[in-house]
Amino acid sequence: MKSINNINIQLLFSEEEIDVGKLVLRDKSIYIRYNQAFLDRCLEISPLKLKLNTQVNKANDIPFDGLYWCIR
């Protein structure tokens, strides 16, 4: 079975699918990077924990073993 190490993230907003970015699993840690087009919209999906920026952001190890809690 092939393992999955990255997932594209989309947000359904007013019946429009918006590409948010990508989650990446590397060395047992989860990272997120926003797409530039999403950053240009200035939509905050988690302003306290997932600020809009062009960096690769690492999830905290807690809660949820490193998963971002805004994912459903």
Protein backbone atom coordinates (compact mmCIF):
# COMPACT_ATOMS: atom_id res chain seq x y z
CA MET A 1 0.00 0.00 0.00
CA LYS A 2 1.36 3.39 -0.97
CA SER A 3 1.54 5.85 1.91
CA ILE A 4 0.19 9.38 1.59
CA ASN A 5 2.56 12.14 2.66
CA ASN A 6 0.70 15.24 1.46
CA ILE A 7 -2.91 16.38 1.12
CA ASN A 8 -4.33 19.33 -0.79
CA ILE A 9 -6.67 21.44 1.33
CA GLN A 10 -9.81 23.08 -0.02
CA LEU A 11 -12.44 25.20 1.67
CA LEU A 12 -16.07 25.31 0.57
CA PHE A 13 -17.09 28.95 0.95
CA SER A 14 -20.45 30.17 -0.38
CA GLU A 15 -20.63 27.19 -2.78
CA GLU A 16 -17.15 27.97 -4.14
CA GLU A 17 -14.24 25.56 -3.62
CA ILE A 18 -11.15 27.53 -2.68
CA ASP A 19 -7.68 25.95 -2.75
CA VAL A 20 -6.16 26.70 0.65
CA GLY A 21 -2.81 24.96 0.50
CA LYS A 22 -1.18 21.67 1.34
CA LEU A 23 -0.60 19.55 4.45
CA VAL A 24 2.65 17.60 4.39
CA LEU A 25 3.76 14.75 6.64
CA ARG A 26 7.54 14.68 7.05
CA ASP A 27 9.62 13.07 9.80
CA LYS A 28 6.46 12.34 11.85
CA SER A 29 5.48 16.04 11.88
CA ILE A 30 2.70 17.79 9.99
CA TYR A 31 3.26 21.06 8.12
CA ILE A 32 0.97 23.42 6.25
CA ARG A 33 1.75 25.85 3.48
CA TYR A 34 -0.86 28.21 2.05
CA ASN A 35 -1.28 28.75 -1.70
CA GLN A 36 -0.49 32.33 -2.72
CA ALA A 37 -3.96 32.74 -4.27
CA PHE A 38 -5.51 31.88 -0.89
CA LEU A 39 -3.24 34.35 0.90
CA ASP A 40 -4.35 37.04 -1.55
CA ARG A 41 -7.98 36.53 -0.40
CA CYS A 42 -7.03 37.38 3.23
CA LEU A 43 -9.41 34.74 4.64
CA GLU A 44 -8.33 33.72 8.15
CA ILE A 45 -9.31 30.10 8.87
CA SER A 46 -7.65 30.05 12.31
CA PRO A 47 -6.21 33.48 13.16
CA LEU A 48 -4.74 32.48 16.52
CA LYS A 49 -3.03 29.23 15.50
CA LEU A 50 -2.64 29.41 11.71
CA LYS A 51 -1.71 32.93 10.74
CA LEU A 52 -1.62 33.81 7.06
CA ASN A 53 1.98 33.78 5.82
CA THR A 54 4.17 32.39 3.07
CA GLN A 55 6.15 30.15 5.41
CA VAL A 56 5.91 26.41 5.92
CA ASN A 57 4.25 26.14 9.35
CA LYS A 58 4.71 23.17 11.69
CA ALA A 59 1.75 21.92 13.71
CA ASN A 60 2.13 21.67 17.48
CA ASP A 61 2.54 18.12 18.72
CA ILE A 62 -0.51 18.61 20.94
CA PRO A 63 -3.48 18.56 20.72
CA PHE A 64 -4.42 15.72 18.39
CA ASP A 65 -0.90 14.34 17.86
CA GLY A 66 0.11 17.18 15.56
CA LEU A 67 -3.05 17.52 13.48
CA TYR A 68 -4.43 20.99 12.93
CA TRP A 69 -7.81 21.16 14.67
CA CYS A 70 -9.44 23.32 12.01
CA ILE A 71 -9.50 20.30 9.66
CA ARG A 72 -12.77 18.42 9.50
